[in-house]
Protein backbone atom coordinates (compact mmCIF):
# COMPACT_ATOMS: atom_id res chain seq x y z
CA UNK A 1 14.03 4.14 20.36
CA UNK A 2 15.80 7.48 19.84
CA UNK A 3 15.13 9.46 23.02
CA UNK A 4 13.37 12.15 20.97
CA UNK A 5 9.69 13.01 21.02
CA UNK A 6 7.51 12.29 17.98
CA UNK A 7 7.45 15.98 17.09
CA UNK A 8 11.24 16.29 17.46
CA UNK A 9 11.75 13.26 15.21
CA UNK A 10 9.29 14.65 12.68
CA UNK A 11 11.06 18.01 12.61
CA UNK A 12 14.59 16.58 12.47
CA UNK A 13 13.86 14.11 9.68
CA UNK A 14 12.00 16.76 7.68
CA UNK A 15 15.35 18.47 7.05
CA UNK A 16 16.84 15.42 5.31
CA UNK A 17 16.61 14.85 1.53
CA UNK A 18 13.37 13.34 0.28
CA UNK A 19 12.46 11.12 -2.67
CA UNK A 20 11.83 12.92 -5.94
CA UNK A 21 10.05 11.74 -9.08
CA UNK A 22 10.24 13.08 -12.65
CA UNK A 23 6.63 12.08 -13.39
CA UNK A 24 3.42 14.12 -13.82
CA UNK A 25 1.50 14.83 -10.62
CA UNK A 26 -2.17 14.32 -11.51
CA UNK A 27 -5.43 13.86 -9.64
CA UNK A 28 -8.62 12.13 -10.68
CA UNK A 29 -11.50 14.61 -11.16
CA UNK A 30 -13.70 12.24 -9.11
CA UNK A 31 -11.46 12.52 -6.02
CA UNK A 32 -13.89 14.61 -3.93
CA UNK A 33 -16.91 12.55 -4.92
CA UNK A 34 -14.99 9.40 -3.99
CA UNK A 35 -14.01 10.91 -0.63
CA UNK A 36 -17.67 11.47 0.21
CA UNK A 37 -18.34 7.79 -0.46
CA UNK A 38 -15.35 6.91 1.73
CA UNK A 39 -16.79 8.87 4.65
CA UNK A 40 -20.01 6.86 4.28
CA UNK A 41 -18.06 3.59 4.19
CA UNK A 42 -16.46 4.49 7.52
CA UNK A 43 -19.79 5.50 9.07
CA UNK A 44 -21.56 2.35 7.86
CA UNK A 45 -18.90 -0.36 8.12
CA UNK A 46 -16.35 0.70 10.73
CA UNK A 47 -18.44 0.96 13.87
CA UNK A 48 -16.05 -1.56 15.46
CA UNK A 49 -13.42 1.22 15.46
CA UNK A 50 -13.41 3.82 18.20
CA UNK A 51 -14.83 7.25 17.40
CA UNK A 52 -11.29 8.67 17.52
CA UNK A 53 -10.03 6.09 15.00
CA UNK A 54 -12.94 6.77 12.64
CA UNK A 55 -12.39 10.52 12.87
CA UNK A 56 -8.68 10.18 12.17
CA UNK A 57 -9.23 7.79 9.28
CA UNK A 58 -11.57 10.33 7.72
CA UNK A 59 -8.82 12.93 8.01
CA UNK A 60 -6.39 10.54 6.31
CA UNK A 61 -8.61 10.47 3.18
CA UNK A 62 -7.33 7.05 2.18
CA UNK A 63 -9.33 7.00 -1.04
CA UNK A 64 -7.29 9.98 -2.26
CA UNK A 65 -4.47 7.46 -2.52
CA UNK A 66 -6.34 5.72 -5.35
CA UNK A 67 -7.58 8.98 -6.89
CA UNK A 68 -4.03 10.30 -7.18
CA UNK A 69 -2.52 7.01 -8.36
CA UNK A 70 -5.21 6.41 -11.01
CA UNK A 71 -6.14 9.78 -12.51
CA UNK A 72 -7.75 8.29 -15.64
CA UNK A 73 -10.33 5.96 -14.06
CA UNK A 74 -14.07 6.60 -13.94
CA UNK A 75 -15.74 6.68 -10.53
CA UNK A 76 -17.07 3.14 -11.02
CA UNK A 77 -13.58 1.93 -11.96
CA UNK A 78 -12.06 3.70 -8.97
CA UNK A 79 -14.27 2.00 -6.39
CA UNK A 80 -12.59 -1.45 -6.31
CA UNK A 81 -9.05 -0.11 -5.95
CA UNK A 82 -10.20 2.61 -3.52
CA UNK A 83 -11.91 0.03 -1.30
CA UNK A 84 -8.71 -2.02 -1.41
CA UNK A 85 -6.51 0.97 -0.49
CA UNK A 86 -8.71 2.26 2.33
CA UNK A 87 -9.69 -1.10 3.82
CA UNK A 88 -6.15 -2.45 3.54
CA UNK A 89 -4.74 0.51 5.44
CA UNK A 90 -7.45 0.58 8.11
CA UNK A 91 -7.20 -3.17 8.53
CA UNK A 92 -3.44 -2.89 9.00
CA UNK A 93 -4.01 -0.31 11.73
CA UNK A 94 -6.74 -2.29 13.49
CA UNK A 95 -5.10 -5.74 13.39
CA UNK A 96 -1.54 -4.54 14.00
CA UNK A 97 -1.30 -6.45 17.29
CA UNK A 98 -2.69 -9.79 16.21
CA UNK A 99 -0.79 -13.04 15.89
CA UNK A 100 0.43 -14.85 12.78
CA UNK A 101 -2.35 -17.44 13.09
CA UNK A 102 -5.04 -14.80 13.59
CA UNK A 103 -3.81 -12.87 10.56
CA UNK A 104 -3.75 -16.09 8.55
CA UNK A 105 -7.43 -16.69 9.37
CA UNK A 106 -8.28 -13.08 8.46
CA UNK A 107 -6.44 -13.48 5.15
CA UNK A 108 -8.31 -16.70 4.33
CA UNK A 109 -11.67 -15.08 5.10
CA UNK A 110 -10.91 -12.05 2.92
CA UNK A 111 -9.70 -14.20 0.05
CA UNK A 112 -12.85 -16.33 0.16
CA UNK A 113 -14.86 -13.12 -0.22
CA UNK A 114 -12.67 -11.79 -3.03
CA UNK A 115 -12.74 -15.05 -5.01
CA UNK A 116 -16.47 -15.51 -4.54
CA UNK A 117 -16.02 -18.81 -2.71
CA UNK A 118 -17.94 -17.08 0.08
CA UNK A 119 -20.59 -15.05 -1.70
CA UNK A 120 -22.78 -14.20 1.27
CA UNK A 121 -22.64 -10.55 2.42
CA UNK A 122 -20.87 -10.58 5.82
CA UNK A 123 -22.76 -9.47 8.90
CA UNK A 124 -19.87 -9.24 11.37
CA UNK A 125 -16.91 -6.85 11.04
CA UNK A 126 -17.73 -4.28 8.38
CA UNK A 127 -14.23 -4.58 6.99
CA UNK A 128 -15.24 -7.93 5.55
CA UNK A 129 -18.27 -6.33 3.91
CA UNK A 130 -15.91 -3.88 2.23
CA UNK A 131 -13.94 -6.72 0.64
CA UNK A 132 -17.14 -8.49 -0.39
CA UNK A 133 -18.31 -5.26 -2.00
CA UNK A 134 -14.94 -4.83 -3.74
CA UNK A 135 -15.68 -7.95 -5.78
CA UNK A 136 -19.15 -6.68 -6.67
CA UNK A 137 -17.69 -3.33 -7.74
CA UNK A 138 -15.07 -5.01 -9.92
CA UNK A 139 -17.76 -7.03 -11.68
CA UNK A 140 -19.98 -3.95 -12.06
CA UNK A 141 -17.25 -1.86 -13.70
CA UNK A 142 -16.46 -4.59 -16.23
CA UNK A 143 -13.04 -5.67 -15.01
CA UNK A 144 -12.00 -8.71 -17.09
CA UNK A 145 -11.93 -11.74 -14.83
CA UNK A 146 -8.34 -12.76 -15.65
CA UNK A 147 -7.15 -9.25 -14.68
CA UNK A 148 -9.26 -9.30 -11.52
CA UNK A 149 -7.67 -12.62 -10.58
CA UNK A 150 -4.19 -11.09 -10.96
CA UNK A 151 -5.31 -8.20 -8.77
CA UNK A 152 -6.56 -10.39 -5.92
CA UNK A 153 -3.49 -12.66 -6.11
CA UNK A 154 -1.47 -9.50 -5.35
CA UNK A 155 -3.83 -8.67 -2.46
CA UNK A 156 -3.28 -12.18 -1.09
CA UNK A 157 0.47 -11.61 -1.22
CA UNK A 158 0.05 -8.36 0.72
CA UNK A 159 -2.02 -10.11 3.38
CA UNK A 160 0.58 -12.89 3.53
CA UNK A 161 3.20 -10.20 4.19
CA UNK A 162 1.05 -8.83 7.03
CA UNK A 163 0.89 -12.37 8.39
CA UNK A 164 4.65 -12.99 8.16
CA UNK A 165 5.66 -9.72 9.79
CA UNK A 166 3.79 -10.52 13.04
CA UNK A 167 6.60 -12.45 14.69
CA UNK A 168 9.02 -9.55 14.22
CA UNK A 169 6.45 -7.12 15.60
CA UNK A 170 6.07 -9.37 18.67
CA UNK A 171 9.86 -9.54 19.05
CA UNK A 172 10.13 -5.77 18.58
CA UNK A 173 13.17 -6.59 16.46
CA UNK A 174 13.80 -5.97 12.74
CA UNK A 175 13.88 -8.97 10.44
CA UNK A 176 17.19 -9.86 8.70
CA UNK A 177 17.49 -7.68 5.63
CA UNK A 178 16.75 -10.42 3.02
CA UNK A 179 13.65 -11.46 4.98
CA UNK A 180 12.58 -7.84 5.38
CA UNK A 181 12.95 -7.14 1.64
CA UNK A 182 10.68 -10.08 0.81
CA UNK A 183 8.04 -9.04 3.35
CA UNK A 184 8.12 -5.35 2.53
CA UNK A 185 7.66 -5.77 -1.20
CA UNK A 186 4.35 -7.41 -0.28
CA UNK A 187 3.21 -5.17 2.58
CA UNK A 188 3.87 -1.91 0.75
CA UNK A 189 0.55 -2.50 -0.99
CA UNK A 190 2.03 -1.41 -4.30
CA UNK A 191 1.67 -4.72 -6.14
CA UNK A 192 -2.16 -4.64 -6.25
CA UNK A 193 -1.94 -1.05 -7.52
CA UNK A 194 0.43 -2.19 -10.28
CA UNK A 195 -1.96 -4.98 -11.26
CA UNK A 196 -4.90 -2.55 -11.35
CA UNK A 197 -3.15 -0.12 -13.71
CA UNK A 198 -4.48 -2.03 -16.70
CA UNK A 199 -8.00 -0.72 -15.91
CA UNK A 200 -7.05 2.78 -17.04
CA UNK A 201 -7.77 3.95 -20.59
CA UNK A 202 -7.81 0.88 -22.88
CA UNK A 203 -4.88 -0.91 -21.26
CA UNK A 204 -7.17 -3.79 -20.25
CA UNK A 205 -7.07 -4.86 -23.90
CA UNK A 206 -3.31 -5.43 -23.78
CA UNK A 207 -2.53 -9.15 -24.14
CA UNK A 208 -0.63 -11.20 -21.59
CA UNK A 209 2.39 -11.07 -23.89
CA UNK A 210 2.64 -7.45 -22.71
CA UNK A 211 1.16 -7.45 -19.19
CA UNK A 212 2.95 -10.66 -18.17
CA UNK A 213 6.25 -9.93 -19.93
CA UNK A 214 9.26 -10.25 -17.56
CA UNK A 215 10.20 -6.59 -18.12
CA UNK A 216 6.69 -5.41 -17.17
CA UNK A 217 6.57 -7.77 -14.18
CA UNK A 218 9.92 -6.39 -13.02
CA UNK A 219 8.50 -2.88 -13.29
CA UNK A 220 5.54 -3.96 -11.17
CA UNK A 221 7.93 -5.33 -8.53
CA UNK A 222 10.07 -2.19 -8.59
CA UNK A 223 7.04 0.07 -8.22
CA UNK A 224 5.92 -1.95 -5.20
CA UNK A 225 9.38 -1.68 -3.65
CA UNK A 226 9.63 2.06 -4.36
CA UNK A 227 6.26 2.69 -2.71
CA UNK A 228 7.51 0.75 0.31
CA UNK A 229 10.73 2.75 0.50
CA UNK A 230 9.12 6.17 0.27
CA UNK A 231 6.44 5.10 2.73
CA UNK A 232 9.14 3.99 5.18
CA UNK A 233 10.86 7.36 4.84
CA UNK A 234 7.66 9.35 5.37
CA UNK A 235 6.36 7.17 8.22
CA UNK A 236 9.69 6.88 10.06
CA UNK A 237 8.90 9.29 12.94
CA UNK A 238 5.72 7.35 13.71
CA UNK A 239 7.42 3.97 13.56
CA UNK A 240 10.41 5.02 15.66
CA UNK A 241 8.04 6.17 18.38
CA UNK A 242 5.98 2.96 18.65
CA UNK A 243 6.92 -0.42 20.02
CA UNK A 244 6.82 -3.19 17.42
CA UNK A 245 6.87 -0.92 14.34
CA UNK A 246 10.05 -2.52 13.00
CA UNK A 247 9.00 -3.29 9.42
CA UNK A 248 10.73 -0.23 8.02
CA UNK A 249 13.74 -0.03 5.70
CA UNK A 250 15.52 2.68 7.71
CA UNK A 251 15.06 0.81 10.98
CA UNK A 252 16.20 -2.46 9.38
CA UNK A 253 19.33 -0.91 7.83
CA UNK A 254 20.20 0.82 11.09
CA UNK A 255 19.97 -2.50 12.93
CA UNK A 256 21.70 -4.51 10.19
CA UNK A 257 24.70 -2.19 9.81
CA UNK A 258 24.85 -0.63 13.30
CA UNK A 259 24.89 2.91 11.93
CA UNK A 260 23.33 6.19 13.00
CA UNK A 261 19.74 7.05 12.16
CA UNK A 262 20.85 9.63 9.60
CA UNK A 263 23.23 7.16 7.93
CA UNK A 264 20.50 4.52 7.77
CA UNK A 265 18.10 7.08 6.33
CA UNK A 266 20.55 8.00 3.56
CA UNK A 267 21.14 4.31 2.84
CA UNK A 268 17.38 3.81 2.52
CA UNK A 269 17.13 6.79 0.17
CA UNK A 270 19.84 5.17 -1.97
CA UNK A 271 17.80 1.95 -2.09
CA UNK A 272 14.88 4.03 -3.30
CA UNK A 273 16.89 5.96 -5.88
CA UNK A 274 18.56 2.83 -7.29
CA UNK A 275 15.18 1.14 -7.79
CA UNK A 276 13.77 4.30 -9.33
CA UNK A 277 16.72 4.51 -11.73
CA UNK A 278 16.16 0.89 -12.79
CA UNK A 279 12.45 1.53 -13.33
CA UNK A 280 13.15 4.56 -15.52
CA UNK A 281 15.74 2.60 -17.52
CA UNK A 282 13.24 -0.20 -18.14
CA UNK A 283 10.55 2.33 -19.11
CA UNK A 284 12.89 3.92 -21.64
CA UNK A 285 14.00 0.58 -23.08
CA UNK A 286 10.88 -1.54 -23.44
CA UNK A 287 10.98 -4.79 -25.42
CA UNK A 288 9.54 -4.95 -28.92
CA UNK A 289 5.80 -5.47 -28.47
CA UNK A 290 5.05 -5.26 -32.19
CA UNK A 291 1.57 -3.85 -32.86
CA UNK A 292 1.09 -3.20 -29.12
CA UNK A 293 4.17 -0.99 -28.81
CA UNK A 294 2.57 2.46 -28.58
CA UNK A 295 -0.01 1.32 -26.06
CA UNK A 296 2.64 -0.55 -24.03
CA UNK A 297 4.80 2.59 -23.90
CA UNK A 298 1.84 4.63 -22.66
CA UNK A 299 1.01 1.93 -20.10
CA UNK A 300 4.60 1.91 -18.82
CA UNK A 301 4.50 5.68 -18.32
CA UNK A 302 1.39 5.35 -16.14
CA UNK A 303 3.49 3.36 -13.66
CA UNK A 304 5.47 6.55 -13.02
CA UNK A 305 2.25 8.57 -12.69
CA UNK A 306 1.04 6.02 -10.14
CA UNK A 307 4.24 6.35 -8.10
CA UNK A 308 4.03 10.13 -8.12
CA UNK A 309 0.38 9.97 -7.09
CA UNK A 310 1.04 7.70 -4.12
CA UNK A 311 3.92 9.88 -2.98
CA UNK A 312 1.87 13.05 -3.38
CA UNK A 313 -0.82 11.55 -1.17
CA UNK A 314 1.82 10.82 1.47
CA UNK A 315 3.29 14.31 1.38
CA UNK A 316 0.56 16.71 0.25
CA UNK A 317 -2.89 15.80 1.48
CA UNK A 318 -2.68 13.06 4.08
CA UNK A 319 -2.24 13.52 7.82
CA UNK A 320 -1.70 9.80 8.36
CA UNK A 321 1.92 10.17 9.50
CA UNK A 322 1.69 13.51 11.28
CA UNK A 323 2.07 13.37 15.10
CA UNK A 324 -1.32 13.53 16.77
CA UNK A 325 -3.08 11.83 13.84
CA UNK A 326 -1.88 8.26 14.23
CA UNK A 327 -4.47 5.48 14.61
CA UNK A 328 -3.51 3.03 17.33
CA UNK A 329 -4.18 -0.74 17.12
CA UNK A 330 -7.54 -1.58 18.73
CA UNK A 331 -8.01 -5.28 18.03
CA UNK A 332 -7.89 -7.33 21.25
CA UNK A 333 -5.94 -10.44 20.34
CA UNK A 334 -6.44 -13.77 22.04
CA UNK A 335 -2.96 -14.89 20.98
CA UNK A 336 -0.60 -11.92 20.53
CA UNK A 337 2.10 -11.61 23.18
CA UNK A 338 5.19 -9.42 23.29
CA UNK A 339 8.26 -11.67 23.23
CA UNK A 340 10.86 -9.07 24.05
């Protein structure tokens, strides 16, 4: 798409300004213990991946994403959100070249497992066993059912985004900006993280008058968008080098406005910074939550810690977007066809 090699793109874009957050950068003390479990999950449930894909996924340490975003959870409380983060990312890699209808069927199967409508442990693709186990882990760690339901609704929205992006992947053409913004807020994966934040400390005791307040819901949406924007900036060299990887803010803005790559990059950074500014303003000006005020303020500040943690995973201890470490799609679709 640019005439440059992956390494040249990676080096050139590394010189441009990057996102910056004014939040604490913390890690969960159970991060290494969780990573050892993650390696076992890959060995036991991802035999359908090639050996190269499994090796690279281990290097990506996808559970560190949860351990950095949720530094206050116990190991038992980390497992559901870590399974979501790792399985969601590996699933996205594996099923990247499937059709809308195939992804819709995958989404419906996963949601049946997460809701308990299908309570039988799967015996086919291990990725389904991971989602079945996610529900068991959430029950085991005492997640209140109404909060768990909010969490899996957000997962369903992410999977719906994966489903809706397939036609643009097949066209190898960016979606119109308003369509892209709707899809990307879902596919960033940030919304389920935002819904899981209540499991830290004693935030699960906050009433819906706090957790479902429009200001808090807006902060959830902004955090999901911000994660998408910084992910698009970090992953840009990978996505510029691969056919069909068009669900990226920089690529969309470049196509929408017919500008240079650097100009589109700076426009994307402005999107990020404007959303971050709004999030900080909302954090500093919370509504009156009466007797819940102090706890609501602390909860709101953990949204910033989550953002910093996700970004630190992207930039400090993950090789997911470094040339030579990418995982290529391996699912053989019966329906997917390039349309460009």
